Structures are given as structure tokens and as C-alpha cells.
PDB file of N, CA and C in Angstrom:
ATOM      1  N   MET A   1    -145.925   8.765 167.007  1.00  0.00           N
ATOM      2  CA  MET A   1    -145.591  10.123 166.726  1.00  0.00           C
ATOM      3  C   MET A   1    -143.584   9.854 166.595  1.00  0.00           C
ATOM      4  N   SER A   2    -143.606  10.850 165.613  1.00  0.00           N
ATOM      5  CA  SER A   2    -142.114  10.901 165.023  1.00  0.00           C
ATOM      6  C   SER A   2    -141.552  11.920 166.395  1.00  0.00           C
ATOM      7  N   PRO A   3    -140.109  11.599 166.512  1.00  0.00           N
ATOM      8  CA  PRO A   3    -139.134  12.317 167.416  1.00  0.00           C
ATOM      9  C   PRO A   3    -139.275  13.904 167.412  1.00  0.00           C
ATOM     10  N   PRO A   4    -139.188  14.024 165.501  1.00  0.00           N
ATOM     11  CA  PRO A   4    -139.239  15.376 165.479  1.00  0.00           C
ATOM     12  C   PRO A   4    -140.433  16.280 166.140  1.00  0.00           C
ATOM     13  N   LEU A   5    -141.748  15.435 165.737  1.00  0.00           N
ATOM     14  CA  LEU A   5    -142.699  16.056 166.427  1.00  0.00           C
ATOM     15  C   LEU A   5    -142.956  15.936 167.734  1.00  0.00           C
ATOM     16  N   ALA A   6    -142.380  14.887 168.542  1.00  0.00           N
ATOM     17  CA  ALA A   6    -141.900  14.933 170.093  1.00  0.00           C
ATOM     18  C   ALA A   6    -141.131  16.090 170.468  1.00  0.00           C
ATOM     19  N   TRP A   7    -140.334  16.337 169.973  1.00  0.00           N
ATOM     20  CA  TRP A   7    -139.416  17.656 170.026  1.00  0.00           C
ATOM     21  C   TRP A   7    -139.855  18.712 170.353  1.00  0.00           C
ATOM     22  N   PHE A   8    -140.564  18.910 168.990  1.00  0.00           N
ATOM     23  CA  PHE A   8    -141.652  20.319 168.861  1.00  0.00           C
ATOM     24  C   PHE A   8    -142.541  20.596 170.160  1.00  0.00           C
ATOM     25  N   MET A   9    -143.213  19.173 170.286  1.00  0.00           N
ATOM     26  CA  MET A   9    -144.189  19.089 171.631  1.00  0.00           C
ATOM     27  C   MET A   9    -143.279  19.662 172.913  1.00  0.00           C
ATOM     28  N   LEU A  10    -142.365  19.078 172.958  1.00  0.00           N
ATOM     29  CA  LEU A  10    -141.706  19.634 174.020  1.00  0.00           C
ATOM     30  C   LEU A  10    -141.153  21.052 174.138  1.00  0.00           C
ATOM     31  N   VAL A  11    -140.455  21.510 173.071  1.00  0.00           N
ATOM     32  CA  VAL A  11    -140.334  22.958 172.936  1.00  0.00           C
ATOM     33  C   VAL A  11    -141.493  23.927 173.210  1.00  0.00           C
ATOM     34  N   ALA A  12    -142.660  23.468 172.523  1.00  0.00           N
ATOM     35  CA  ALA A  12    -144.066  24.126 172.635  1.00  0.00           C
ATOM     36  C   ALA A  12    -144.299  23.972 174.251  1.00  0.00           C
ATOM     37  N   ALA A  13    -144.300  23.019 174.770  1.00  0.00           N
ATOM     38  CA  ALA A  13    -144.516  22.842 176.182  1.00  0.00           C
ATOM     39  C   ALA A  13    -143.560  23.721 177.350  1.00  0.00           C
ATOM     40  N   GLY A  14    -142.285  23.728 177.005  1.00  0.00           N
ATOM     41  CA  GLY A  14    -141.372  24.511 177.586  1.00  0.00           C
ATOM     42  C   GLY A  14    -141.955  25.919 177.618  1.00  0.00           C
ATOM     43  N   LEU A  15    -142.069  26.597 176.315  1.00  0.00           N
ATOM     44  CA  LEU A  15    -142.408  27.928 176.105  1.00  0.00           C
ATOM     45  C   LEU A  15    -143.725  28.268 176.686  1.00  0.00           C
ATOM     46  N   LEU A  16    -145.104  27.035 177.022  1.00  0.00           N
ATOM     47  CA  LEU A  16    -146.201  27.360 177.570  1.00  0.00           C
ATOM     48  C   LEU A  16    -145.964  27.435 179.274  1.00  0.00           C
ATOM     49  N   ASP A  17    -144.646  26.900 179.634  1.00  0.00           N
ATOM     50  CA  ASP A  17    -144.517  26.864 181.047  1.00  0.00           C
ATOM     51  C   ASP A  17    -143.825  28.465 181.442  1.00  0.00           C
ATOM     52  N   VAL A  18    -143.348  28.991 180.112  1.00  0.00           N
ATOM     53  CA  VAL A  18    -142.969  30.251 180.506  1.00  0.00           C
ATOM     54  C   VAL A  18    -144.071  31.157 180.699  1.00  0.00           C
ATOM     55  N   GLY A  19    -144.821  30.969 180.003  1.00  0.00           N
ATOM     56  CA  GLY A  19    -146.184  31.691 180.037  1.00  0.00           C
ATOM     57  C   GLY A  19    -146.906  31.369 181.399  1.00  0.00           C
ATOM     58  N   TRP A  20    -147.182  30.195 181.611  1.00  0.00           N
ATOM     59  CA  TRP A  20    -147.374  29.731 182.833  1.00  0.00           C
ATOM     60  C   TRP A  20    -147.049  30.247 184.134  1.00  0.00           C
ATOM     61  N   ALA A  21    -145.962  30.611 184.061  1.00  0.00           N
ATOM     62  CA  ALA A  21    -145.025  31.145 185.025  1.00  0.00           C
ATOM     63  C   ALA A  21    -145.465  32.784 184.948  1.00  0.00           C
ATOM     64  N   ILE A  22    -145.095  33.293 184.131  1.00  0.00           N
ATOM     65  CA  ILE A  22    -145.773  34.855 183.967  1.00  0.00           C
ATOM     66  C   ILE A  22    -147.140  34.955 184.295  1.00  0.00           C
ATOM     67  N   SER A  23    -148.167  34.026 183.602  1.00  0.00           N
ATOM     68  CA  SER A  23    -149.562  34.039 184.074  1.00  0.00           C
ATOM     69  C   SER A  23    -149.721  34.033 185.756  1.00  0.00           C
ATOM     70  N   MET A  24    -149.121  33.400 186.562  1.00  0.00           N
ATOM     71  CA  MET A  24    -149.083  33.338 188.084  1.00  0.00           C
ATOM     72  C   MET A  24    -148.462  34.766 188.577  1.00  0.00           C
ATOM     73  N   LYS A  25    -147.723  35.528 188.254  1.00  0.00           N
ATOM     74  CA  LYS A  25    -147.188  36.769 188.413  1.00  0.00           C
ATOM     75  C   LYS A  25    -148.482  37.566 188.565  1.00  0.00           C
ATOM     76  N   TYR A  26    -148.853  37.465 187.156  1.00  0.00           N
ATOM     77  CA  TYR A  26    -150.215  38.381 186.847  1.00  0.00           C
ATOM     78  C   TYR A  26    -151.186  38.241 187.678  1.00  0.00           C
ATOM     79  N   ALA A  27    -151.470  36.851 188.050  1.00  0.00           N
ATOM     80  CA  ALA A  27    -152.598  36.033 189.261  1.00  0.00           C
ATOM     81  C   ALA A  27    -152.531  36.851 190.391  1.00  0.00           C
ATOM     82  N   GLU A  28    -151.484  37.584 190.734  1.00  0.00           N
ATOM     83  CA  GLU A  28    -151.196  37.973 192.175  1.00  0.00           C
ATOM     84  C   GLU A  28    -151.663  36.586 193.153  1.00  0.00           C
ATOM     85  N   GLY A  29    -151.217  35.590 193.179  1.00  0.00           N
ATOM     86  CA  GLY A  29    -151.452  34.663 194.174  1.00  0.00           C
ATOM     87  C   GLY A  29    -153.113  33.932 193.949  1.00  0.00           C
ATOM     88  N   TYR A  30    -153.002  33.978 192.823  1.00  0.00           N
ATOM     89  CA  TYR A  30    -154.686  33.703 192.381  1.00  0.00           C
ATOM     90  C   TYR A  30    -155.706  33.962 192.919  1.00  0.00           C
ATOM     91  N   THR A  31    -155.713  35.713 192.932  1.00  0.00           N
ATOM     92  CA  THR A  31    -156.667  36.554 193.655  1.00  0.00           C
ATOM     93  C   THR A  31    -157.258  37.159 192.161  1.00  0.00           C
ATOM     94  N   ARG A  32    -156.582  37.168 191.090  1.00  0.00           N
ATOM     95  CA  ARG A  32    -157.047  38.060 189.730  1.00  0.00           C
ATOM     96  C   ARG A  32    -157.666  36.762 189.049  1.00  0.00           C
ATOM     97  N   LEU A  33    -159.258  36.924 188.847  1.00  0.00           N
ATOM     98  CA  LEU A  33    -159.992  35.562 187.914  1.00  0.00           C
ATOM     99  C   LEU A  33    -159.414  35.357 187.014  1.00  0.00           C
ATOM    100  N   GLY A  34    -159.390  36.331 185.926  1.00  0.00           N
ATOM    101  CA  GLY A  34    -159.020  36.098 184.549  1.00  0.00           C
ATOM    102  C   GLY A  34    -157.871  35.851 184.312  1.00  0.00           C
ATOM    103  N   TRP A  35    -156.350  36.239 184.955  1.00  0.00           N
ATOM    104  CA  TRP A  35    -155.213  35.408 185.150  1.00  0.00           C
ATOM    105  C   TRP A  35    -154.970  34.544 185.705  1.00  0.00           C
ATOM    106  N   SER A  36    -156.083  34.099 186.413  1.00  0.00           N
ATOM    107  CA  SER A  36    -156.217  32.733 187.325  1.00  0.00           C
ATOM    108  C   SER A  36    -156.336  31.490 185.947  1.00  0.00           C
ATOM    109  N   ILE A  37    -157.430  31.993 185.301  1.00  0.00           N
ATOM    110  CA  ILE A  37    -157.993  31.175 184.219  1.00  0.00           C
ATOM    111  C   ILE A  37    -157.019  30.997 183.174  1.00  0.00           C
ATOM    112  N   VAL A  38    -156.167  32.094 182.909  1.00  0.00           N
ATOM    113  CA  VAL A  38    -154.895  31.845 181.995  1.00  0.00           C
ATOM    114  C   VAL A  38    -154.224  31.084 182.718  1.00  0.00           C
ATOM    115  N   SER A  39    -153.568  30.998 183.522  1.00  0.00           N
ATOM    116  CA  SER A  39    -152.807  30.107 184.427  1.00  0.00           C
ATOM    117  C   SER A  39    -153.095  29.016 184.269  1.00  0.00           C
ATOM    118  N   PHE A  40    -154.134  28.525 184.524  1.00  0.00           N
ATOM    119  CA  PHE A  40    -154.664  27.128 184.753  1.00  0.00           C
ATOM    120  C   PHE A  40    -154.755  26.394 183.412  1.00  0.00           C
ATOM    121  N   ALA A  41    -155.173  27.213 182.183  1.00  0.00           N
ATOM    122  CA  ALA A  41    -155.119  26.514 180.835  1.00  0.00           C
ATOM    123  C   ALA A  41    -153.859  26.370 180.585  1.00  0.00           C
ATOM    124  N   LEU A  42    -152.787  27.336 180.716  1.00  0.00           N
ATOM    125  CA  LEU A  42    -151.580  27.076 180.540  1.00  0.00           C
ATOM    126  C   LEU A  42    -150.829  26.066 180.861  1.00  0.00           C
ATOM    127  N   LEU A  43    -150.970  25.857 182.311  1.00  0.00           N
ATOM    128  CA  LEU A  43    -150.908  24.609 183.110  1.00  0.00           C
ATOM    129  C   LEU A  43    -151.031  23.170 182.341  1.00  0.00           C
ATOM    130  N   ALA A  44    -152.673  23.111 182.086  1.00  0.00           N
ATOM    131  CA  ALA A  44    -152.959  21.966 181.538  1.00  0.00           C
ATOM    132  C   ALA A  44    -152.388  21.800 179.964  1.00  0.00           C
ATOM    133  N   ALA A  45    -152.098  22.980 179.339  1.00  0.00           N
ATOM    134  CA  ALA A  45    -151.769  22.522 177.949  1.00  0.00           C
ATOM    135  C   ALA A  45    -150.232  22.032 177.848  1.00  0.00           C
ATOM    136  N   PHE A  46    -149.161  22.661 178.920  1.00  0.00           N
ATOM    137  CA  PHE A  46    -147.919  22.293 178.713  1.00  0.00           C
ATOM    138  C   PHE A  46    -147.938  20.877 179.379  1.00  0.00           C
ATOM    139  N   VAL A  47    -148.653  20.623 180.421  1.00  0.00           N
ATOM    140  CA  VAL A  47    -148.789  19.261 181.108  1.00  0.00           C
ATOM    141  C   VAL A  47    -149.111  18.331 180.082  1.00  0.00           C
ATOM    142  N   PHE A  48    -150.077  18.318 179.068  1.00  0.00           N
ATOM    143  CA  PHE A  48    -150.445  17.837 178.155  1.00  0.00           C
ATOM    144  C   PHE A  48    -149.421  17.394 176.930  1.00  0.00           C
ATOM    145  N   LEU A  49    -148.824  18.704 176.582  1.00  0.00           N
ATOM    146  CA  LEU A  49    -147.762  18.535 175.733  1.00  0.00           C
ATOM    147  C   LEU A  49    -146.367  17.673 175.995  1.00  0.00           C
ATOM    148  N   LEU A  50    -146.069  17.952 177.381  1.00  0.00           N
ATOM    149  CA  LEU A  50    -145.278  17.246 177.899  1.00  0.00           C
ATOM    150  C   LEU A  50    -145.127  15.743 177.749  1.00  0.00           C
ATOM    151  N   GLY A  51    -146.313  15.464 178.388  1.00  0.00           N
ATOM    152  CA  GLY A  51    -146.719  13.919 178.525  1.00  0.00           C
ATOM    153  C   GLY A  51    -146.924  13.198 177.064  1.00  0.00           C
ATOM    154  N   ARG A  52    -147.273  14.182 176.211  1.00  0.00           N
ATOM    155  CA  ARG A  52    -147.227  13.478 174.575  1.00  0.00           C
ATOM    156  C   ARG A  52    -145.797  13.161 174.401  1.00  0.00           C
ATOM    157  N   ALA A  53    -144.817  14.211 174.570  1.00  0.00           N
ATOM    158  CA  ALA A  53    -143.445  14.122 174.227  1.00  0.00           C
ATOM    159  C   ALA A  53    -142.767  13.082 174.892  1.00  0.00           C
ATOM    160  N   LEU A  54    -143.067  12.529 176.000  1.00  0.00           N
ATOM    161  CA  LEU A  54    -142.528  11.900 177.054  1.00  0.00           C
ATOM    162  C   LEU A  54    -143.029  10.401 176.317  1.00  0.00           C
ATOM    163  N   GLN A  55    -143.870  10.330 175.595  1.00  0.00           N
ATOM    164  CA  GLN A  55    -144.115   8.776 174.888  1.00  0.00           C
ATOM    165  C   GLN A  55    -143.173   8.463 174.273  1.00  0.00           C
ATOM    166  N   VAL A  56    -142.306   9.427 173.523  1.00  0.00           N
ATOM    167  CA  VAL A  56    -140.729   9.138 172.613  1.00  0.00           C
ATOM    168  C   VAL A  56    -139.600   9.401 172.881  1.00  0.00           C
ATOM    169  N   LEU A  57    -139.745  10.291 173.833  1.00  0.00           N
ATOM    170  CA  LEU A  57    -138.321  10.944 174.180  1.00  0.00           C
ATOM    171  C   LEU A  57    -137.942  10.392 175.660  1.00  0.00           C
ATOM    172  N   GLU A  58    -136.828  10.378 175.869  1.00  0.00           N
ATOM    173  CA  GLU A  58    -136.062   9.950 176.878  1.00  0.00           C
ATOM    174  C   GLU A  58    -136.530  10.816 178.183  1.00  0.00           C
ATOM    175  N   ILE A  59    -137.163  10.225 179.465  1.00  0.00           N
ATOM    176  CA  ILE A  59    -137.609  11.219 180.357  1.00  0.00           C
ATOM    177  C   ILE A  59    -136.397  12.106 181.027  1.00  0.00           C
ATOM    178  N   GLY A  60    -135.515  11.637 181.214  1.00  0.00           N
ATOM    179  CA  GLY A  60    -134.228  12.537 181.831  1.00  0.00           C
ATOM    180  C   GLY A  60    -133.780  13.550 180.826  1.00  0.00           C
ATOM    181  N   VAL A  61    -133.807  13.657 179.588  1.00  0.00           N
ATOM    182  CA  VAL A  61    -133.310  14.408 178.759  1.00  0.00           C
ATOM    183  C   VAL A  61    -134.685  15.447 178.334  1.00  0.00           C
ATOM    184  N   ALA A  62    -136.205  14.865 178.252  1.00  0.00           N
ATOM    185  CA  ALA A  62    -137.292  15.677 178.135  1.00  0.00           C
ATOM    186  C   ALA A  62    -137.119  16.556 179.222  1.00  0.00           C
ATOM    187  N   TYR A  63    -137.339  16.222 180.353  1.00  0.00           N
ATOM    188  CA  TYR A  63    -137.515  16.690 181.514  1.00  0.00           C
ATOM    189  C   TYR A  63    -136.472  17.874 181.772  1.00  0.00           C
ATOM    190  N   THR A  64    -135.264  17.521 181.590  1.00  0.00           N
ATOM    191  CA  THR A  64    -134.060  18.161 181.725  1.00  0.00           C
ATOM    192  C   THR A  64    -134.280  19.791 180.873  1.00  0.00           C
ATOM    193  N   VAL A  65    -134.573  19.230 179.285  1.00  0.00           N
ATOM    194  CA  VAL A  65    -134.828  20.319 178.243  1.00  0.00           C
ATOM    195  C   VAL A  65    -136.115  21.226 178.765  1.00  0.00           C
ATOM    196  N   TRP A  66    -137.156  20.463 179.127  1.00  0.00           N
ATOM    197  CA  TRP A  66    -138.413  21.429 179.432  1.00  0.00           C
ATOM    198  C   TRP A  66    -138.075  22.501 180.584  1.00  0.00           C
ATOM    199  N   THR A  67    -137.570  21.871 181.754  1.00  0.00           N
ATOM    200  CA  THR A  67    -137.117  22.770 182.718  1.00  0.00           C
ATOM    201  C   THR A  67    -135.944  23.870 182.353  1.00  0.00           C
ATOM    202  N   GLY A  68    -135.210  23.746 181.664  1.00  0.00           N
ATOM    203  CA  GLY A  68    -134.179  24.590 181.080  1.00  0.00           C
ATOM    204  C   GLY A  68    -134.949  25.680 180.182  1.00  0.00           C
ATOM    205  N   ILE A  69    -135.672  25.171 179.243  1.00  0.00           N
ATOM    206  CA  ILE A  69    -136.488  26.408 178.322  1.00  0.00           C
ATOM    207  C   ILE A  69    -137.402  27.247 179.494  1.00  0.00           C
ATOM    208  N   GLY A  70    -137.869  26.233 180.447  1.00  0.00           N
ATOM    209  CA  GLY A  70    -138.683  27.320 181.347  1.00  0.00           C
ATOM    210  C   GLY A  70    -137.678  28.207 181.912  1.00  0.00           C
ATOM    211  N   ALA A  71    -137.043  27.712 182.634  1.00  0.00           N
ATOM    212  CA  ALA A  71    -136.151  28.342 183.625  1.00  0.00           C
ATOM    213  C   ALA A  71    -135.433  29.847 182.663  1.00  0.00           C
ATOM    214  N   VAL A  72    -135.017  29.615 181.345  1.00  0.00           N
ATOM    215  CA  VAL A  72    -134.061  30.766 180.829  1.00  0.00           C
ATOM    216  C   VAL A  72    -135.365  31.770 180.405  1.00  0.00           C
ATOM    217  N   GLY A  73    -136.525  30.917 179.715  1.00  0.00           N
ATOM    218  CA  GLY A  73    -137.412  31.752 179.308  1.00  0.00           C
ATOM    219  C   GLY A  73    -137.996  32.817 180.401  1.00  0.00           C
ATOM    220  N   THR A  74    -138.166  32.038 181.431  1.00  0.00           N
ATOM    221  CA  THR A  74    -138.736  32.791 182.648  1.00  0.00           C
ATOM    222  C   THR A  74    -138.102  33.997 182.927  1.00  0.00           C
ATOM    223  N   LEU A  75    -136.725  33.472 183.475  1.00  0.00           N
ATOM    224  CA  LEU A  75    -135.832  34.624 183.643  1.00  0.00           C
ATOM    225  C   LEU A  75    -135.603  35.982 182.857  1.00  0.00           C
ATOM    226  N   THR A  76    -135.648  35.510 181.643  1.00  0.00           N
ATOM    227  CA  THR A  76    -135.666  36.621 180.377  1.00  0.00           C
ATOM    228  C   THR A  76    -137.116  37.454 180.332  1.00  0.00           C
ATOM    229  N   MET A  77    -138.010  36.473 180.544  1.00  0.00           N
ATOM    230  CA  MET A  77    -139.347  37.529 180.523  1.00  0.00           C
ATOM    231  C   MET A  77    -139.537  38.382 181.957  1.00  0.00           C
ATOM    232  N   GLY A  78    -138.921  37.755 182.829  1.00  0.00           N
ATOM    233  CA  GLY A  78    -138.713  38.492 184.354  1.00  0.00           C
ATOM    234  C   GLY A  78    -137.872  39.801 183.998  1.00  0.00           C
ATOM    235  N   VAL A  79    -136.790  39.927 183.420  1.00  0.00           N
ATOM    236  CA  VAL A  79    -136.171  41.033 182.875  1.00  0.00           C
ATOM    237  C   VAL A  79    -137.100  41.845 182.002  1.00  0.00           C
ATOM    238  N   LEU A  80    -137.362  41.556 181.046  1.00  0.00           N
ATOM    239  CA  LEU A  80    -138.215  42.199 179.994  1.00  0.00           C
ATOM    240  C   LEU A  80    -139.744  42.859 180.630  1.00  0.00           C
ATOM    241  N   LEU A  81    -140.313  42.218 181.510  1.00  0.00           N
ATOM    242  CA  LEU A  81    -141.532  42.591 181.869  1.00  0.00           C
ATOM    243  C   LEU A  81    -141.730  43.291 183.158  1.00  0.00           C
ATOM    244  N   PHE A  82    -140.644  42.634 184.235  1.00  0.00           N
ATOM    245  CA  PHE A  82    -140.747  42.810 185.489  1.00  0.00           C
ATOM    246  C   PHE A  82    -139.745  43.947 185.906  1.00  0.00           C
ATOM    247  N   GLY A  83    -138.681  44.134 185.054  1.00  0.00           N
ATOM    248  CA  GLY A  83    -137.504  44.975 185.254  1.00  0.00           C
ATOM    249  C   GLY A  83    -136.610  44.671 186.037  1.00  0.00           C
ATOM    250  N   GLU A  84    -136.411  42.950 186.478  1.00  0.00           N
ATOM    251  CA  GLU A  84    -135.867  42.024 187.170  1.00  0.00           C
ATOM    252  C   GLU A  84    -134.064  42.552 187.013  1.00  0.00           C
ATOM    253  N   THR A  85    -133.425  42.064 187.615  1.00  0.00           N
ATOM    254  CA  THR A  85    -131.956  42.714 187.392  1.00  0.00           C
ATOM    255  C   THR A  85    -131.277  41.344 186.589  1.00  0.00           C
ATOM    256  N   LEU A  86    -130.360  42.006 185.747  1.00  0.00           N
ATOM    257  CA  LEU A  86    -129.703  40.929 184.849  1.00  0.00           C
ATOM    258  C   LEU A  86    -128.168  41.348 185.039  1.00  0.00           C
ATOM    259  N   ASN A  87    -127.068  40.725 185.478  1.00  0.00           N
ATOM    260  CA  ASN A  87    -125.897  40.893 185.590  1.00  0.00           C
ATOM    261  C   ASN A  87    -125.354  39.818 184.950  1.00  0.00           C
ATOM    262  N   PRO A  88    -123.970  39.608 184.604  1.00  0.00           N
ATOM    263  CA  PRO A  88    -122.626  38.748 184.052  1.00  0.00           C
ATOM    264  C   PRO A  88    -123.311  37.510 184.590  1.00  0.00           C
ATOM    265  N   VAL A  89    -123.193  37.131 186.018  1.00  0.00           N
ATOM    266  CA  VAL A  89    -123.294  35.748 186.573  1.00  0.00           C
ATOM    267  C   VAL A  89    -124.897  35.119 185.734  1.00  0.00           C
ATOM    268  N   LYS A  90    -125.951  36.165 185.810  1.00  0.00           N
ATOM    269  CA  LYS A  90    -126.833  35.211 185.492  1.00  0.00           C
ATOM    270  C   LYS A  90    -126.827  35.090 184.066  1.00  0.00           C
ATOM    271  N   ILE A  91    -126.483  36.370 183.279  1.00  0.00           N
ATOM    272  CA  ILE A  91    -126.008  35.880 181.715  1.00  0.00           C
ATOM    273  C   ILE A  91    -125.363  34.315 181.422  1.00  0.00           C
ATOM    274  N   ALA A  92    -124.461  34.071 182.599  1.00  0.00           N
ATOM    275  CA  ALA A  92    -123.203  33.083 182.195  1.00  0.00           C
ATOM    276  C   ALA A  92    -124.347  31.985 182.606  1.00  0.00           C
ATOM    277  N   GLY A  93    -125.063  32.055 183.541  1.00  0.00           N
ATOM    278  CA  GLY A  93    -125.937  30.826 184.242  1.00  0.00           C
ATOM    279  C   GLY A  93    -127.079  30.714 182.752  1.00  0.00           C
ATOM    280  N   ILE A  94    -127.427  31.351 182.258  1.00  0.00           N
ATOM    281  CA  ILE A  94    -128.328  31.294 180.986  1.00  0.00           C
ATOM    282  C   ILE A  94    -127.577  30.731 180.167  1.00  0.00           C
ATOM    283  N   ALA A  95    -126.396  31.150 179.646  1.00  0.00           N
ATOM    284  CA  ALA A  95    -125.638  30.258 178.645  1.00  0.00           C
ATOM    285  C   ALA A  95    -125.168  29.067 178.865  1.00  0.00           C
ATOM    286  N   LEU A  96    -125.026  28.719 179.987  1.00  0.00           N
ATOM    287  CA  LEU A  96    -124.902  27.127 180.558  1.00  0.00           C
ATOM    288  C   LEU A  96    -126.230  26.528 180.310  1.00  0.00           C
ATOM    289  N   VAL A  97    -127.051  26.718 180.826  1.00  0.00           N
ATOM    290  CA  VAL A  97    -128.029  26.113 180.515  1.00  0.00           C
ATOM    291  C   VAL A  97    -128.728  25.900 178.939  1.00  0.00           C
ATOM    292  N   MET A  98    -128.384  27.109 178.065  1.00  0.00           N
ATOM    293  CA  MET A  98    -128.413  26.806 176.882  1.00  0.00           C
ATOM    294  C   MET A  98    -127.823  25.484 176.119  1.00  0.00           C
ATOM    295  N   ILE A  99    -126.339  26.130 176.738  1.00  0.00           N
ATOM    296  CA  ILE A  99    -125.684  24.876 175.961  1.00  0.00           C
ATOM    297  C   ILE A  99    -125.821  23.433 176.630  1.00  0.00           C
ATOM    298  N   GLY A 100    -126.229  23.312 177.772  1.00  0.00           N
ATOM    299  CA  GLY A 100    -126.808  22.154 178.273  1.00  0.00           C
ATOM    300  C   GLY A 100    -127.916  21.580 177.402  1.00  0.00           C
ATOM    301  N   ILE A 101    -128.863  22.488 177.012  1.00  0.00           N
ATOM    302  CA  ILE A 101    -130.053  21.854 176.285  1.00  0.00           C
ATOM    303  C   ILE A 101    -129.492  21.584 174.804  1.00  0.00           C
ATOM    304  N   VAL A 102    -128.669  22.157 174.014  1.00  0.00           N
ATOM    305  CA  VAL A 102    -128.337  21.853 172.920  1.00  0.00           C
ATOM    306  C   VAL A 102    -127.188  20.797 173.012  1.00  0.00           C
ATOM    307  N   ALA A 103    -126.890  20.350 174.130  1.00  0.00           N
ATOM    308  CA  ALA A 103    -126.018  19.130 174.168  1.00  0.00           C
ATOM    309  C   ALA A 103    -126.630  17.857 174.171  1.00  0.00           C
ATOM    310  N   LEU A 104    -127.823  18.256 175.144  1.00  0.00           N
ATOM    311  CA  LEU A 104    -128.961  16.910 175.366  1.00  0.00           C
ATOM    312  C   LEU A 104    -129.761  16.659 174.108  1.00  0.00           C
ATOM    313  N   LYS A 105    -129.738  17.698 173.486  1.00  0.00           N
ATOM    314  CA  LYS A 105    -130.612  17.489 171.872  1.00  0.00           C
ATOM    315  C   LYS A 105    -129.643  16.823 171.140  1.00  0.00           C
ATOM    316  N   LEU A 106    -128.353  17.056 171.083  1.00  0.00           N
ATOM    317  CA  LEU A 106    -127.488  16.541 170.211  1.00  0.00           C
ATOM    318  C   LEU A 106    -127.062  14.878 170.656  1.00  0.00           C
ATOM    319  N   ALA A 107    -127.208  14.433 171.611  1.00  0.00           N
ATOM    320  CA  ALA A 107    -126.380  13.336 172.149  1.00  0.00           C
ATOM    321  C   ALA A 107    -127.332  12.374 171.803  1.00  0.00           C
ATOM    322  N   PRO A 108    -126.518  11.387 171.315  1.00  0.00           N
ATOM    323  CA  PRO A 108    -127.375  10.090 170.858  1.00  0.00           C
ATOM    324  C   PRO A 108    -128.101   9.290 171.750  1.00  0.00           C
ATOM    325  N   ALA A 109    -129.289   8.868 171.377  1.00  0.00           N
ATOM    326  CA  ALA A 109    -129.935   8.177 172.070  1.00  0.00           C
ATOM    327  C   ALA A 109    -129.786   6.790 172.657  1.00  0.00           C
TER     328      ALA A 109
END
């Protein structure tokens, strides 16, 4: 697998992680069958893609990028879907995480 494909899989895994987190909220403690099935499917998909990306990418960088995408995406979706609060400190935190993700992508291997 090429490094660009591994990075694509890593980003896709991060986005699926966001979907997984949101689906867990909708599953309400895994008491709603449909959302529970969606949650487990998203979990399996992102673990598979992350595992494939780790065949090529450094684990420290890949895991950090994946969790950063998941954290920023989940916080953003929490604001958009559930009316969670967003304030200057949270915005600064998101910006720092995103800067870190870009820095890790640009860092030489």
C-alpha cells in the first residue's frame, strides 16, 4: 500500500470514529437496536481502516492523527447536533489539535 493511500485510510478511519461516537449517543447506552448496530458497524470499519493504515504509517503519528480527527470532529458534531456549548477556549483547543495534526502530517518520517 502506498503512503498516500494509508493517509487516506487514516483520515477515513478518523471520520468513521466521529460517526461511531455520534451513533453511541443515539444508541442511548446501546438500548436502541438500530443505532447499536450502526455503532458496531462503524467501530469495525474504523478499526479495520486504522489497522491497514498502521501497516505503512508510524504508529505514534497515525494514532495521534486519528484521535485528533475523532476529537475535533466529535466536538464539532456535538455542537451542531446536540447544541453543546462552544466557547473561545474550546475553539482554541480545536485549533491547536488541528495545527498538531498538520504538523505531524508534514513532519519527515
